[in-house]
Amino acid sequence: MSHWSDAHCHLQDHFLGDEATTASLSDTLARAYEGGVDRVVVIGTDATTSAQALEITAFDSPVEIYATVGLHPHDALQDIEPVLELARKGHPKLVGIGECGLDYFYEHSPRPDQRRAFASQIALAHELDLALVIHARDAFDDLFDVLTSEGVPERTVVHCFTGTPEDAQACLALGADISISGVVTFKNAELLREAVRGVPLDRLHVETDSPFLAPVPYRGKANEPAYVTVVGEFVAEVRGESFVEVREATRANTARLFRLPPT
């Protein structure tokens, strides 16, 4: 029997807090596997967390672990060179660039700096022929502008999609896949659920964005990869499809996106 894939999570100590330990990571992955999840992609957001993501891929676990290297738009004022250098060194479990993109909701970094960092990472994804993992919040017009200018990598995903149905269709038209997090289960997310119904099954992914955005009924608690099953089953219900169909499709889509081994 195949299992669920978590297309986007953060398992590094930086995100898990002061009490994060090897034991807690082991427990987290054990719960994921016991719950029917056997693949995760750990996402970098700066040079430190990107290096940690690559290190985690060597962890002894029945769960397959892959990693990305990137600079989050919140951190766009940081020097991007260490991130570029880390990616260019190569790694057998490095499967993507990001998360990167634009966030105009918080604007922790000035917009021009966000755009420059994003463009640099698009170029890096092209250079290394790796998947591009995009963060986009309240910035779709500028996002599309940068992507059009720099060229959309062949394998691109907008993670934790929270835009409108029209934004989703525009992402798809540019060639990007759509990844859905636990936000889809929130009471006020009907517009997102409408968007999810319009995404072709072969362009859809599910994720946790752990430790953030735990789905209902775990909302308010720390999120973890085991809960991607909750997201996936909810997405299946929203779309009127069986959870097996969604599980099989999203697993295949994530394998294609990141060029993971066939199963």
Foldseek 3Di string as FASTA:
>chain_A
DAFFEALEAALFCVAVDPPDDPVVSQVQLVLQVVLGYAEYEHEEAALVSQVRLLVCQPDDGSHHYAYEFEHALLRLVDDCVSSLVVVVVDDPRYQEYDPAEDAPPVCNDPPVSSLVRRLVRQVSCVVVVHEYEYEDHPQLVVRVVSCVVNPHRQQYEDEQDQDALVSLVVCVVSNYAYEHELVCQDPPRVRVLVNLLPHPLLRYAYHHHFQPNQHPPQPPGGHGNSRSLVVLCVSCVSNVHHSVSSRVNNVVSSCVSRVNDDD
